[in-house]
Amino acid sequence: MNCPKVRSVKAADNHALIVEFDNNEKKRYDVTPLLEKEMFAPLKNAALFKAVRVEQGGWAVAWNDEIDLSEFELWSKGKEVVC
């Protein structure tokens, strides 16, 4: 399945991400269920969570060298944001 690439990402309240894709669609992705996994537990820190950025090429969003989410995960499990 071809997924659009990530154009921008913003940390929102309640451990959610607002992700804009290169097809101009926006989705809200809830990170909360992942926080119980060891890899994502550091994102409970609000300052780290807000430091999210788009990886070069739009293939993922990342917080550091160890924590990231792919464009496929964000696209397939995110909920459409209706403006």
Foldseek 3Di string as FASTA:
>chain_A
DDFFFWDWWFQDPQQWIWTAGPVRWIFIGHCVVVCVPPLNVVCVPVVLSRQWTADPPRQWIASDPRDIDGRCCCVVRTHTDDD
